[in-house]
N, C-alpha and C. Protein backbone atom coordinates (compact mmCIF):
# COMPACT_ATOMS: atom_id res chain seq x y z
N UNK A 1 5.98 79.88 -0.16
CA UNK A 1 5.19 78.88 -0.91
C UNK A 1 5.73 77.47 -0.71
N UNK A 2 4.77 76.84 -0.47
CA UNK A 2 5.05 75.36 -0.17
C UNK A 2 5.13 74.53 -1.26
N UNK A 3 6.20 73.86 -1.32
CA UNK A 3 6.32 73.08 -2.71
C UNK A 3 5.86 71.43 -2.38
N UNK A 4 4.80 71.25 -3.42
CA UNK A 4 4.34 69.79 -3.07
C UNK A 4 5.17 68.61 -3.58
N UNK A 5 5.51 67.80 -2.62
CA UNK A 5 6.26 66.79 -3.04
C UNK A 5 5.57 65.82 -4.15
N UNK A 6 6.10 65.41 -4.98
CA UNK A 6 5.42 64.34 -6.14
C UNK A 6 5.07 62.94 -5.25
N UNK A 7 3.99 62.60 -5.53
CA UNK A 7 3.45 61.24 -4.96
C UNK A 7 4.30 60.14 -5.49
N UNK A 8 4.85 59.27 -4.73
CA UNK A 8 5.35 58.19 -5.11
C UNK A 8 4.61 56.91 -5.09
N UNK A 9 4.52 56.46 -6.27
CA UNK A 9 3.72 55.11 -6.26
C UNK A 9 4.57 54.04 -6.45
N UNK A 10 4.16 52.88 -5.70
CA UNK A 10 4.90 51.58 -5.88
C UNK A 10 4.87 51.10 -7.39
N UNK A 11 5.83 50.59 -7.88
CA UNK A 11 5.95 49.90 -9.31
C UNK A 11 4.67 48.96 -9.38
N UNK A 12 4.05 49.13 -10.43
CA UNK A 12 2.82 48.11 -10.74
C UNK A 12 3.61 46.85 -11.18
N UNK A 13 2.97 45.80 -10.55
CA UNK A 13 3.37 44.39 -10.91
C UNK A 13 2.70 43.92 -12.24
N UNK A 14 3.47 43.58 -13.04
CA UNK A 14 2.93 43.36 -14.43
C UNK A 14 1.94 41.89 -14.09
N UNK A 15 1.24 41.74 -15.16
CA UNK A 15 0.25 40.43 -15.20
C UNK A 15 1.00 39.27 -15.23
N UNK A 16 2.04 39.40 -15.98
CA UNK A 16 3.03 38.15 -16.27
C UNK A 16 3.67 37.88 -14.95
N UNK A 17 4.05 38.82 -14.30
CA UNK A 17 4.79 38.46 -12.94
C UNK A 17 3.81 37.84 -11.93
N UNK A 18 2.54 38.49 -11.96
CA UNK A 18 1.61 37.80 -11.01
C UNK A 18 1.15 36.50 -11.39
N UNK A 19 1.25 36.26 -12.61
CA UNK A 19 0.92 34.67 -13.15
C UNK A 19 2.18 33.79 -12.77
N UNK A 20 3.27 34.33 -13.19
CA UNK A 20 4.39 33.63 -12.62
C UNK A 20 4.44 33.20 -11.13
N UNK A 21 3.97 34.09 -10.34
CA UNK A 21 3.94 34.06 -8.77
C UNK A 21 2.91 32.90 -8.51
N UNK A 22 1.79 32.91 -9.14
CA UNK A 22 0.78 32.03 -8.93
C UNK A 22 1.00 30.61 -9.24
N UNK A 23 1.75 30.48 -10.60
CA UNK A 23 2.19 29.18 -11.01
C UNK A 23 3.27 28.59 -9.94
N UNK A 24 3.99 29.44 -9.45
CA UNK A 24 5.13 28.87 -8.39
C UNK A 24 4.44 28.52 -7.26
N UNK A 25 3.43 29.32 -6.79
CA UNK A 25 2.69 28.99 -5.38
C UNK A 25 2.05 27.51 -5.57
N UNK A 26 1.15 27.55 -6.83
CA UNK A 26 0.76 26.27 -7.06
C UNK A 26 1.63 25.04 -7.09
N UNK A 27 2.77 25.20 -7.79
CA UNK A 27 3.74 24.09 -7.93
C UNK A 27 3.98 23.68 -6.50
N UNK A 28 4.40 24.63 -5.62
CA UNK A 28 4.64 24.28 -4.10
C UNK A 28 3.58 23.62 -3.54
N UNK A 29 2.60 24.06 -3.61
CA UNK A 29 1.23 23.46 -2.98
C UNK A 29 1.15 21.97 -3.47
N UNK A 30 1.22 21.84 -4.96
CA UNK A 30 1.02 20.59 -5.35
C UNK A 30 2.27 19.63 -4.78
N UNK A 31 3.49 20.05 -4.88
CA UNK A 31 4.44 19.25 -4.31
C UNK A 31 4.30 18.75 -2.93
N UNK A 32 3.68 19.69 -2.14
CA UNK A 32 3.70 19.30 -0.71
C UNK A 32 2.29 18.37 -0.56
N UNK A 33 1.37 18.39 -1.33
CA UNK A 33 0.31 17.47 -1.53
C UNK A 33 0.67 15.99 -1.78
N UNK A 34 1.59 15.92 -2.78
CA UNK A 34 2.26 14.93 -3.40
C UNK A 34 3.14 14.06 -2.18
N UNK A 35 3.75 14.92 -1.50
CA UNK A 35 4.74 14.39 -0.41
C UNK A 35 3.67 13.83 0.72
N UNK A 36 2.51 14.57 0.92
CA UNK A 36 1.72 13.98 2.08
C UNK A 36 1.04 12.85 1.67
N UNK A 37 0.62 12.76 0.22
CA UNK A 37 0.09 11.53 -0.22
C UNK A 37 0.90 10.40 -0.15
N UNK A 38 2.17 10.62 -0.62
CA UNK A 38 3.30 9.47 -0.46
C UNK A 38 3.46 8.96 0.89
N UNK A 39 3.54 10.03 1.79
CA UNK A 39 3.73 9.39 3.18
C UNK A 39 2.43 8.63 3.67
N UNK A 40 1.33 9.23 3.26
CA UNK A 40 0.14 8.42 3.88
C UNK A 40 0.01 7.04 3.13
N UNK A 41 0.40 6.91 1.93
CA UNK A 41 0.22 5.66 1.30
C UNK A 41 1.11 4.62 1.90
N UNK A 42 2.23 5.03 2.26
CA UNK A 42 3.40 4.23 2.95
C UNK A 42 2.73 3.73 4.38
N UNK A 43 2.10 4.54 5.07
CA UNK A 43 1.48 4.24 6.33
C UNK A 43 0.36 3.29 5.98
N UNK A 44 -0.58 3.51 5.27
CA UNK A 44 -1.71 2.84 4.84
C UNK A 44 -1.19 1.31 4.42
N UNK A 45 -0.17 1.19 3.67
CA UNK A 45 0.34 -0.09 3.36
C UNK A 45 0.93 -1.00 4.44
N UNK A 46 1.50 -0.19 5.33
CA UNK A 46 2.15 -0.63 6.50
C UNK A 46 1.08 -1.28 7.39
N UNK A 47 -0.15 -0.63 7.47
CA UNK A 47 -1.13 -1.14 8.47
C UNK A 47 -1.80 -2.37 7.69
N UNK A 48 -1.96 -2.20 6.31
CA UNK A 48 -2.36 -3.41 5.59
C UNK A 48 -1.54 -4.57 5.84
N UNK A 49 -0.21 -4.58 5.86
CA UNK A 49 0.59 -5.54 5.92
C UNK A 49 0.65 -6.10 7.38
N UNK A 50 0.46 -5.20 8.40
CA UNK A 50 0.13 -5.54 9.66
C UNK A 50 -0.87 -6.55 9.91
N UNK A 51 -2.02 -6.38 9.11
CA UNK A 51 -3.25 -7.39 9.31
C UNK A 51 -2.88 -8.73 8.75
N UNK A 52 -1.98 -8.71 7.65
CA UNK A 52 -1.57 -9.91 7.15
C UNK A 52 -0.69 -10.67 8.28
N UNK A 53 0.17 -10.00 8.78
CA UNK A 53 0.93 -10.52 9.85
C UNK A 53 0.17 -11.17 11.11
N UNK A 54 -0.86 -10.36 11.61
CA UNK A 54 -1.77 -10.77 12.63
C UNK A 54 -2.33 -12.06 12.33
N UNK A 55 -2.82 -12.23 10.97
CA UNK A 55 -3.53 -13.45 10.78
C UNK A 55 -2.59 -14.70 10.64
N UNK A 56 -1.41 -14.42 10.29
CA UNK A 56 -0.47 -15.44 10.22
C UNK A 56 -0.04 -15.79 11.69
N UNK A 57 0.07 -15.14 12.63
CA UNK A 57 0.67 -15.09 13.93
C UNK A 57 -0.54 -15.87 14.71
N UNK A 58 -1.76 -15.79 14.29
CA UNK A 58 -2.89 -16.38 15.11
C UNK A 58 -3.53 -17.64 14.48
N UNK A 59 -3.11 -18.07 13.24
CA UNK A 59 -3.72 -19.16 12.57
C UNK A 59 -3.20 -20.52 13.19
N UNK A 60 -4.06 -21.51 13.17
CA UNK A 60 -3.87 -22.76 13.76
C UNK A 60 -2.86 -23.36 12.65
N UNK A 61 -1.65 -23.97 13.20
CA UNK A 61 -0.71 -24.47 12.20
C UNK A 61 -1.34 -25.59 11.28
N UNK A 62 -2.25 -26.25 11.82
CA UNK A 62 -3.05 -27.30 11.09
C UNK A 62 -3.88 -26.90 9.90
N UNK A 63 -4.17 -25.56 10.07
CA UNK A 63 -4.95 -25.16 9.04
C UNK A 63 -4.00 -24.47 7.67
N UNK A 64 -2.72 -24.46 7.83
CA UNK A 64 -1.91 -23.91 6.98
C UNK A 64 -1.98 -24.61 5.63
N UNK A 65 -1.84 -25.92 5.54
CA UNK A 65 -1.79 -26.59 4.24
C UNK A 65 -2.98 -27.57 4.10
N UNK A 66 -4.03 -27.34 5.05
CA UNK A 66 -5.06 -28.27 4.90
C UNK A 66 -5.90 -27.97 3.44
N UNK A 67 -6.28 -29.05 2.98
CA UNK A 67 -7.08 -28.87 1.72
C UNK A 67 -8.56 -28.29 2.02
N UNK A 68 -8.90 -27.07 1.26
CA UNK A 68 -10.06 -26.68 1.29
C UNK A 68 -11.39 -27.62 0.92
N UNK A 69 -12.31 -27.32 1.69
CA UNK A 69 -13.46 -28.24 1.19
C UNK A 69 -13.78 -28.24 -0.30
N UNK A 70 -13.66 -27.11 -0.93
CA UNK A 70 -14.02 -27.03 -2.37
C UNK A 70 -13.03 -27.78 -3.19
N UNK A 71 -11.92 -28.02 -2.66
CA UNK A 71 -10.79 -28.94 -3.39
C UNK A 71 -11.32 -30.24 -3.75
N UNK A 72 -12.17 -30.79 -3.05
CA UNK A 72 -12.73 -32.08 -3.47
C UNK A 72 -13.53 -32.08 -4.83
N UNK A 73 -14.11 -31.00 -5.02
CA UNK A 73 -15.08 -30.82 -6.40
C UNK A 73 -14.10 -30.58 -7.43
N UNK A 74 -13.13 -29.34 -7.37
CA UNK A 74 -12.45 -28.88 -8.41
C UNK A 74 -11.13 -29.32 -8.46
N UNK A 75 -10.52 -29.56 -7.25
CA UNK A 75 -9.09 -29.99 -7.28
C UNK A 75 -8.16 -28.77 -7.38
N UNK A 76 -8.55 -27.46 -7.47
CA UNK A 76 -7.80 -26.43 -7.80
C UNK A 76 -7.98 -25.39 -6.85
N UNK A 77 -8.58 -25.63 -5.74
CA UNK A 77 -8.86 -24.54 -4.69
C UNK A 77 -7.36 -24.36 -4.01
N UNK A 78 -7.12 -23.05 -3.60
CA UNK A 78 -5.78 -22.65 -2.86
C UNK A 78 -6.01 -23.19 -1.16
N UNK A 79 -4.97 -23.53 -0.67
CA UNK A 79 -4.78 -23.54 0.60
C UNK A 79 -4.29 -22.27 1.27
N UNK A 80 -4.56 -22.26 2.50
CA UNK A 80 -4.19 -20.73 3.12
C UNK A 80 -2.73 -20.53 2.80
N UNK A 81 -1.83 -21.50 2.69
CA UNK A 81 -0.52 -21.30 2.38
C UNK A 81 -0.35 -20.75 1.06
N UNK A 82 -1.03 -21.36 0.19
CA UNK A 82 -1.10 -20.78 -1.37
C UNK A 82 -1.54 -19.54 -1.50
N UNK A 83 -2.51 -19.00 -0.49
CA UNK A 83 -3.09 -17.63 -0.72
C UNK A 83 -2.08 -16.70 -0.24
N UNK A 84 -1.31 -16.96 0.78
CA UNK A 84 -0.45 -16.11 1.48
C UNK A 84 0.89 -15.82 0.48
N UNK A 85 1.29 -17.03 -0.16
CA UNK A 85 2.37 -16.90 -1.17
C UNK A 85 1.96 -16.31 -2.41
N UNK A 86 0.75 -16.40 -2.73
CA UNK A 86 0.22 -15.82 -3.94
C UNK A 86 0.23 -14.35 -3.66
N UNK A 87 -0.23 -13.87 -2.59
CA UNK A 87 -0.14 -12.41 -2.25
C UNK A 87 1.27 -11.71 -2.41
N UNK A 88 2.24 -12.56 -1.82
CA UNK A 88 3.62 -12.01 -1.88
C UNK A 88 4.12 -12.06 -3.32
N UNK A 89 3.87 -13.14 -4.18
CA UNK A 89 4.54 -13.27 -5.42
C UNK A 89 3.69 -12.11 -6.31
N UNK A 90 2.52 -11.88 -6.29
CA UNK A 90 1.90 -10.74 -6.93
C UNK A 90 2.61 -9.57 -6.69
N UNK A 91 2.88 -9.29 -5.34
CA UNK A 91 3.61 -8.03 -4.97
C UNK A 91 4.93 -7.97 -5.61
N UNK A 92 5.52 -8.90 -5.81
CA UNK A 92 7.04 -9.02 -6.40
C UNK A 92 6.79 -8.65 -7.89
N UNK A 93 5.65 -9.10 -8.31
CA UNK A 93 5.39 -8.81 -9.96
C UNK A 93 5.09 -7.25 -10.08
N UNK A 94 4.36 -6.67 -9.19
CA UNK A 94 4.14 -5.17 -9.09
C UNK A 94 5.49 -4.47 -9.22
N UNK A 95 6.28 -4.85 -8.24
CA UNK A 95 7.45 -3.96 -8.17
C UNK A 95 8.18 -4.30 -9.23
N UNK A 96 8.42 -5.56 -9.82
CA UNK A 96 9.23 -5.87 -11.09
C UNK A 96 8.79 -5.13 -12.29
N UNK A 97 7.56 -5.12 -12.35
CA UNK A 97 6.91 -4.34 -13.59
C UNK A 97 6.94 -2.79 -13.60
N UNK A 98 6.68 -2.47 -12.32
CA UNK A 98 6.29 -0.86 -12.14
C UNK A 98 7.60 -0.28 -11.81
N UNK A 99 8.32 -0.87 -11.01
CA UNK A 99 9.59 -0.06 -10.48
C UNK A 99 10.90 -1.02 -10.57
N UNK A 100 11.26 -1.41 -11.91
CA UNK A 100 12.35 -2.24 -12.02
C UNK A 100 13.72 -1.97 -11.39
N UNK A 101 13.87 -0.69 -11.10
CA UNK A 101 15.05 -0.05 -10.45
C UNK A 101 15.13 -0.62 -8.89
N UNK A 102 14.09 -1.03 -8.31
CA UNK A 102 13.90 -1.52 -6.94
C UNK A 102 14.15 -3.12 -7.11
N UNK A 103 14.97 -3.68 -6.27
CA UNK A 103 15.25 -5.05 -6.11
C UNK A 103 13.88 -5.80 -5.60
N UNK A 104 13.35 -6.57 -6.42
CA UNK A 104 12.09 -7.35 -6.09
C UNK A 104 12.59 -8.58 -5.31
N UNK A 105 11.77 -8.75 -4.19
CA UNK A 105 12.17 -10.03 -3.33
C UNK A 105 11.96 -11.28 -4.02
N UNK A 106 12.56 -12.34 -3.65
CA UNK A 106 12.43 -13.56 -4.33
C UNK A 106 11.08 -14.19 -3.98
N UNK A 107 10.50 -15.00 -5.19
CA UNK A 107 9.15 -15.50 -4.89
C UNK A 107 9.07 -16.58 -3.83
N UNK A 108 8.02 -17.04 -3.50
CA UNK A 108 7.82 -18.20 -2.40
C UNK A 108 7.36 -19.45 -3.36
N UNK A 109 7.60 -20.44 -2.70
CA UNK A 109 6.81 -21.91 -3.39
C UNK A 109 5.64 -22.15 -2.45
N UNK A 110 4.46 -22.12 -3.10
CA UNK A 110 3.37 -22.33 -2.49
C UNK A 110 3.12 -23.62 -1.92
N UNK A 111 4.08 -24.77 -2.48
CA UNK A 111 3.74 -26.05 -1.91
C UNK A 111 4.71 -26.39 -0.90
N UNK A 112 5.63 -25.53 -0.48
CA UNK A 112 6.47 -25.77 0.56
C UNK A 112 6.86 -24.71 1.64
N UNK A 113 6.02 -23.39 1.37
CA UNK A 113 6.19 -22.40 2.20
C UNK A 113 5.76 -22.67 3.67
N UNK A 114 6.61 -22.36 4.46
CA UNK A 114 5.96 -22.34 5.80
C UNK A 114 5.37 -21.00 6.47
N UNK A 115 4.81 -20.86 7.48
CA UNK A 115 4.19 -19.65 8.03
C UNK A 115 5.43 -18.70 8.27
N UNK A 116 6.47 -19.17 8.91
CA UNK A 116 7.63 -18.24 9.21
C UNK A 116 8.18 -17.74 7.75
N UNK A 117 8.36 -18.56 6.77
CA UNK A 117 8.89 -18.07 5.58
C UNK A 117 7.68 -16.99 4.82
N UNK A 118 6.62 -17.27 4.96
CA UNK A 118 5.45 -16.50 4.46
C UNK A 118 5.53 -15.01 5.04
N UNK A 119 5.64 -15.19 6.54
CA UNK A 119 5.74 -13.89 7.38
C UNK A 119 6.88 -13.07 6.88
N UNK A 120 8.05 -13.69 6.76
CA UNK A 120 9.31 -13.01 6.30
C UNK A 120 9.06 -12.48 5.10
N UNK A 121 8.70 -13.14 3.99
CA UNK A 121 8.51 -12.97 2.69
C UNK A 121 7.65 -11.72 2.55
N UNK A 122 6.62 -11.81 3.08
CA UNK A 122 5.67 -10.78 3.09
C UNK A 122 6.03 -9.38 3.59
N UNK A 123 6.82 -9.47 4.83
CA UNK A 123 7.44 -8.24 5.29
C UNK A 123 8.36 -7.72 4.36
N UNK A 124 9.18 -8.42 3.58
CA UNK A 124 10.10 -7.99 2.82
C UNK A 124 9.33 -7.40 1.36
N UNK A 125 8.41 -8.09 0.97
CA UNK A 125 7.72 -7.50 -0.18
C UNK A 125 6.78 -6.09 0.13
N UNK A 126 6.50 -6.18 1.41
CA UNK A 126 5.75 -4.85 1.68
C UNK A 126 6.62 -3.54 1.80
N UNK A 127 7.85 -3.94 2.27
CA UNK A 127 8.70 -3.03 2.34
C UNK A 127 9.06 -2.52 0.93
N UNK A 128 9.17 -3.40 0.11
CA UNK A 128 9.60 -2.92 -1.44
C UNK A 128 8.16 -2.05 -1.90
N UNK A 129 7.06 -2.61 -1.63
CA UNK A 129 5.77 -2.00 -2.06
C UNK A 129 5.69 -0.57 -1.40
N UNK A 130 6.22 -0.36 -0.28
CA UNK A 130 6.19 0.97 0.39
C UNK A 130 7.11 1.91 -0.35
N UNK A 131 8.38 1.31 -0.75
CA UNK A 131 9.19 2.17 -1.41
C UNK A 131 8.55 2.52 -2.65
N UNK A 132 7.84 1.63 -3.42
CA UNK A 132 7.32 1.87 -4.82
C UNK A 132 6.43 2.87 -4.56
N UNK A 133 5.39 2.84 -3.69
CA UNK A 133 4.49 3.84 -3.37
C UNK A 133 4.98 5.10 -3.07
N UNK A 134 5.98 5.30 -2.26
CA UNK A 134 6.49 6.46 -1.77
C UNK A 134 7.03 7.21 -3.08
N UNK A 135 7.61 6.53 -3.87
CA UNK A 135 8.29 7.19 -5.32
C UNK A 135 7.07 7.42 -6.16
N UNK A 136 6.21 6.56 -6.47
CA UNK A 136 4.95 6.92 -7.32
C UNK A 136 4.06 8.00 -7.03
N UNK A 137 3.82 8.00 -5.56
CA UNK A 137 2.66 8.90 -5.33
C UNK A 137 3.43 10.09 -4.43
N UNK A 138 4.57 10.19 -4.28
CA UNK A 138 5.10 11.23 -3.44
C UNK A 138 5.72 12.40 -4.42
N UNK A 139 5.51 12.31 -5.77
CA UNK A 139 5.92 13.42 -6.57
C UNK A 139 7.26 13.39 -7.27
N UNK A 140 8.09 12.34 -7.00
CA UNK A 140 9.42 12.33 -7.44
C UNK A 140 9.39 11.99 -8.89
N UNK A 141 8.34 11.44 -9.63
CA UNK A 141 8.22 11.51 -11.02
C UNK A 141 9.08 10.35 -11.60
N UNK A 142 9.83 9.50 -10.91
CA UNK A 142 10.64 8.43 -11.41
C UNK A 142 9.69 7.31 -11.92
N UNK A 143 8.57 7.13 -11.23
CA UNK A 143 7.65 5.99 -11.52
C UNK A 143 6.34 6.78 -12.17
N UNK A 144 6.00 6.53 -13.35
CA UNK A 144 4.93 7.28 -14.03
C UNK A 144 3.72 6.33 -14.15
N UNK A 145 3.85 4.98 -14.30
CA UNK A 145 2.85 4.09 -14.63
C UNK A 145 2.77 2.94 -13.55
N UNK A 146 1.70 2.51 -13.28
CA UNK A 146 1.27 1.25 -12.46
C UNK A 146 1.06 0.21 -13.53
N UNK A 147 1.91 -0.82 -13.34
CA UNK A 147 1.80 -1.95 -14.16
C UNK A 147 1.39 -3.23 -13.39
N UNK A 148 0.13 -3.51 -13.19
CA UNK A 148 -0.37 -4.46 -12.32
C UNK A 148 -0.04 -6.01 -12.84
N UNK A 149 0.16 -5.95 -14.16
CA UNK A 149 0.19 -7.41 -14.71
C UNK A 149 0.87 -7.20 -16.11
N UNK A 150 1.20 -8.33 -16.79
CA UNK A 150 1.75 -8.17 -18.11
C UNK A 150 0.54 -7.87 -19.17
N UNK A 151 -0.48 -8.38 -18.87
CA UNK A 151 -1.62 -8.42 -19.62
C UNK A 151 -2.44 -7.12 -19.58
N UNK A 152 -2.30 -6.53 -18.52
CA UNK A 152 -3.20 -5.24 -18.12
C UNK A 152 -2.63 -3.88 -18.68
N UNK A 153 -3.29 -3.17 -19.25
CA UNK A 153 -2.91 -1.62 -19.73
C UNK A 153 -2.46 -1.06 -18.49
N UNK A 154 -1.29 -0.33 -18.55
CA UNK A 154 -0.70 0.42 -17.51
C UNK A 154 -1.56 1.68 -17.14
N UNK A 155 -1.69 2.00 -15.69
CA UNK A 155 -2.33 3.17 -15.45
C UNK A 155 -1.21 4.32 -15.04
N UNK A 156 -1.77 5.56 -15.22
CA UNK A 156 -0.95 6.66 -14.65
C UNK A 156 -0.92 6.43 -13.14
N UNK A 157 0.28 6.77 -12.30
CA UNK A 157 0.11 6.45 -10.94
C UNK A 157 -0.71 7.54 -10.39
N UNK A 158 -1.48 7.03 -9.13
CA UNK A 158 -2.20 7.82 -8.58
C UNK A 158 -2.99 7.13 -7.47
N UNK A 159 -4.07 7.70 -6.64
CA UNK A 159 -4.58 7.00 -5.52
C UNK A 159 -5.16 5.53 -6.10
N UNK A 160 -5.65 5.42 -7.33
CA UNK A 160 -6.15 4.29 -7.76
C UNK A 160 -4.96 3.06 -7.79
N UNK A 161 -4.01 3.27 -7.81
CA UNK A 161 -2.78 2.37 -7.80
C UNK A 161 -2.78 1.81 -6.29
N UNK A 162 -3.10 2.46 -5.26
CA UNK A 162 -3.00 2.01 -3.83
C UNK A 162 -4.20 1.51 -3.60
N UNK A 163 -5.41 1.90 -4.17
CA UNK A 163 -6.72 1.18 -4.05
C UNK A 163 -6.73 -0.20 -4.40
N UNK A 164 -6.04 -0.28 -5.63
CA UNK A 164 -6.08 -1.85 -6.37
C UNK A 164 -5.23 -2.62 -5.51
N UNK A 165 -3.97 -2.17 -5.06
CA UNK A 165 -3.26 -3.16 -4.21
C UNK A 165 -3.98 -3.43 -3.07
N UNK A 166 -4.55 -2.48 -2.20
CA UNK A 166 -5.37 -2.91 -0.98
C UNK A 166 -6.54 -3.84 -1.16
N UNK A 167 -7.33 -3.37 -2.25
CA UNK A 167 -8.37 -4.20 -2.67
C UNK A 167 -7.88 -5.95 -2.97
N UNK A 168 -6.87 -6.02 -3.58
CA UNK A 168 -6.34 -7.30 -3.80
C UNK A 168 -5.97 -8.16 -2.43
N UNK A 169 -5.24 -7.43 -1.67
CA UNK A 169 -5.12 -7.95 -0.52
C UNK A 169 -6.12 -8.20 0.66
N UNK A 170 -7.19 -7.28 0.50
CA UNK A 170 -8.20 -7.39 1.30
C UNK A 170 -8.96 -8.70 0.99
N UNK A 171 -9.19 -8.88 -0.27
CA UNK A 171 -9.88 -9.85 -0.83
C UNK A 171 -9.47 -11.37 -0.36
N UNK A 172 -8.11 -11.28 -0.37
CA UNK A 172 -7.34 -12.55 -0.13
C UNK A 172 -7.44 -12.86 1.41
N UNK A 173 -7.31 -11.80 2.28
CA UNK A 173 -7.66 -11.81 3.77
C UNK A 173 -8.91 -12.53 4.11
N UNK A 174 -9.88 -11.98 3.35
CA UNK A 174 -11.31 -12.49 3.47
C UNK A 174 -11.35 -14.08 3.32
N UNK A 175 -10.69 -14.49 2.15
CA UNK A 175 -10.64 -15.81 1.86
C UNK A 175 -9.87 -16.64 3.02
N UNK A 176 -8.93 -16.22 3.45
CA UNK A 176 -8.13 -16.87 4.67
C UNK A 176 -8.99 -17.01 5.84
N UNK A 177 -9.63 -15.86 6.23
CA UNK A 177 -10.62 -16.08 7.55
C UNK A 177 -11.78 -17.01 7.13
N UNK A 178 -12.30 -17.16 6.01
CA UNK A 178 -13.53 -17.96 5.51
C UNK A 178 -12.88 -19.40 5.62
N UNK A 179 -11.68 -19.65 4.95
CA UNK A 179 -11.24 -21.09 4.98
C UNK A 179 -10.84 -21.48 6.38
N UNK A 180 -10.24 -20.66 7.06
CA UNK A 180 -9.83 -21.01 8.56
C UNK A 180 -11.20 -21.64 9.28
N UNK A 181 -12.39 -20.92 9.02
CA UNK A 181 -13.50 -21.26 9.77
C UNK A 181 -14.15 -22.56 9.12
N UNK A 182 -14.05 -22.79 7.73
CA UNK A 182 -14.60 -23.95 7.05
C UNK A 182 -13.77 -25.06 7.58
N UNK A 183 -12.54 -24.84 7.85
CA UNK A 183 -11.70 -25.99 8.17
C UNK A 183 -11.68 -26.52 9.53
N UNK A 184 -12.49 -25.66 10.28
CA UNK A 184 -12.55 -26.14 11.71
C UNK A 184 -11.59 -25.33 12.54
N UNK A 185 -10.99 -24.37 12.08
CA UNK A 185 -9.75 -23.60 13.00
C UNK A 185 -10.19 -22.17 12.79
N UNK A 186 -11.42 -21.67 13.30
CA UNK A 186 -11.82 -20.45 13.17
C UNK A 186 -10.83 -19.39 14.06
N UNK A 187 -10.47 -18.42 13.39
CA UNK A 187 -9.65 -17.24 14.14
C UNK A 187 -10.58 -16.58 15.28
N UNK A 188 -9.86 -16.54 16.32
CA UNK A 188 -10.45 -15.92 17.61
C UNK A 188 -11.07 -14.46 17.14
N UNK A 189 -12.29 -14.24 17.72
CA UNK A 189 -13.01 -13.07 17.50
C UNK A 189 -12.30 -11.97 17.66
N UNK A 190 -11.31 -11.70 18.79
CA UNK A 190 -10.51 -10.78 18.87
C UNK A 190 -9.51 -10.31 17.88
N UNK A 191 -9.24 -11.42 16.96
CA UNK A 191 -8.24 -11.21 15.62
C UNK A 191 -8.93 -10.48 14.85
N UNK A 192 -10.09 -11.22 14.28
CA UNK A 192 -10.94 -10.70 13.29
C UNK A 192 -11.48 -9.38 13.40
N UNK A 193 -12.02 -9.11 14.67
CA UNK A 193 -12.38 -7.84 14.90
C UNK A 193 -11.51 -6.75 15.13
N UNK A 194 -10.18 -7.45 15.41
CA UNK A 194 -8.96 -6.37 15.55
C UNK A 194 -8.50 -5.94 14.21
N UNK A 195 -8.87 -6.58 13.16
CA UNK A 195 -8.44 -5.99 11.82
C UNK A 195 -9.13 -4.78 11.61
N UNK A 196 -10.24 -4.28 12.34
CA UNK A 196 -10.96 -2.99 12.21
C UNK A 196 -10.39 -1.98 13.11
N UNK A 197 -9.55 -2.47 13.99
CA UNK A 197 -9.16 -1.46 15.00
C UNK A 197 -7.93 -0.77 14.41
N UNK A 198 -8.25 0.24 13.48
CA UNK A 198 -7.18 0.82 12.91
C UNK A 198 -6.45 1.71 13.74
N UNK A 199 -6.70 2.30 14.69
CA UNK A 199 -6.18 3.12 15.73
C UNK A 199 -4.96 2.24 16.19
N UNK A 200 -5.31 1.01 16.64
CA UNK A 200 -4.14 0.10 17.24
C UNK A 200 -3.18 -0.35 16.15
N UNK A 201 -3.69 -0.64 14.90
CA UNK A 201 -2.83 -1.05 13.94
C UNK A 201 -1.73 0.17 13.41
N UNK A 202 -2.43 1.33 13.38
CA UNK A 202 -1.53 2.36 13.01
C UNK A 202 -0.34 2.65 13.98
N UNK A 203 -0.72 2.54 15.42
CA UNK A 203 0.26 2.57 16.46
C UNK A 203 1.24 1.74 16.37
N UNK A 204 1.02 0.43 16.02
CA UNK A 204 1.80 -0.84 15.89
C UNK A 204 2.66 -0.48 14.68
N UNK A 205 2.47 0.37 13.90
CA UNK A 205 3.29 0.62 12.57
C UNK A 205 4.04 1.75 12.82
N UNK A 206 3.87 2.40 13.90
CA UNK A 206 4.78 3.55 14.24
C UNK A 206 3.98 4.95 14.07
N UNK A 207 2.68 4.87 13.73
CA UNK A 207 2.02 6.19 13.90
C UNK A 207 1.22 6.30 15.13
N UNK A 208 1.71 6.96 16.22
CA UNK A 208 1.03 6.99 17.47
C UNK A 208 -0.43 7.73 17.49
N UNK A 209 -0.52 8.78 16.41
CA UNK A 209 -1.62 9.58 16.45
C UNK A 209 -2.96 8.75 15.67
N UNK A 210 -2.56 7.73 14.90
CA UNK A 210 -3.62 6.88 14.27
C UNK A 210 -3.78 7.57 12.97
N UNK A 211 -4.81 7.00 12.22
CA UNK A 211 -5.05 7.32 10.78
C UNK A 211 -5.53 9.08 10.70
N UNK A 212 -5.00 9.31 9.35
CA UNK A 212 -5.36 10.72 9.22
C UNK A 212 -4.34 11.79 9.59
N UNK A 213 -3.40 11.45 10.31
CA UNK A 213 -2.56 12.43 10.92
C UNK A 213 -1.09 12.34 10.19
N UNK A 214 -0.49 13.31 9.69
CA UNK A 214 0.72 13.20 8.96
C UNK A 214 1.74 13.26 10.08
N UNK A 215 1.92 12.17 10.60
CA UNK A 215 2.99 11.96 11.84
C UNK A 215 3.72 10.63 11.53
């Protein structure tokens, strides 16, 4: 007589264990997404800063402190020098209010700032902003709110923070290009069209594969 062996069934996984596993997998996936977003934000802001540097490199020195045409009417219009120093000084405010543990660069004097000083200052403030974005969007949790100004309500950190920072800078780059043209010192077409050659900009910032690649 053949004796039947009892069937051996694998232990059933409890619903609680399945739920814990799914939560752990979701947490790992979210952490990877945050890391990728943080790295992308750093590369994007580096390309943004490269655009600023390209403009300064190719501006006619005579345009730097020239009075804008609209200054005759209002007396309050910014020079190109004042626009670039404003961009830098606003960045230092973002860092000081949002990430006080990072050392904010010194502000620039709009009345006496040279192109070389603006270039160096912007490079330094861009580096601090990149650190701030990496922490805020990379999921480390140390920076929870973006404080763009003392009068503004803080925002939870997210892609909106990066979009706001980029929009501010793009607005002022447009002003610089317009003013240079109005003052009789238009930027070469290769420079203004080059602002849209993102593949080249990304490569110049150390990302050889261009936008969209996590490298």
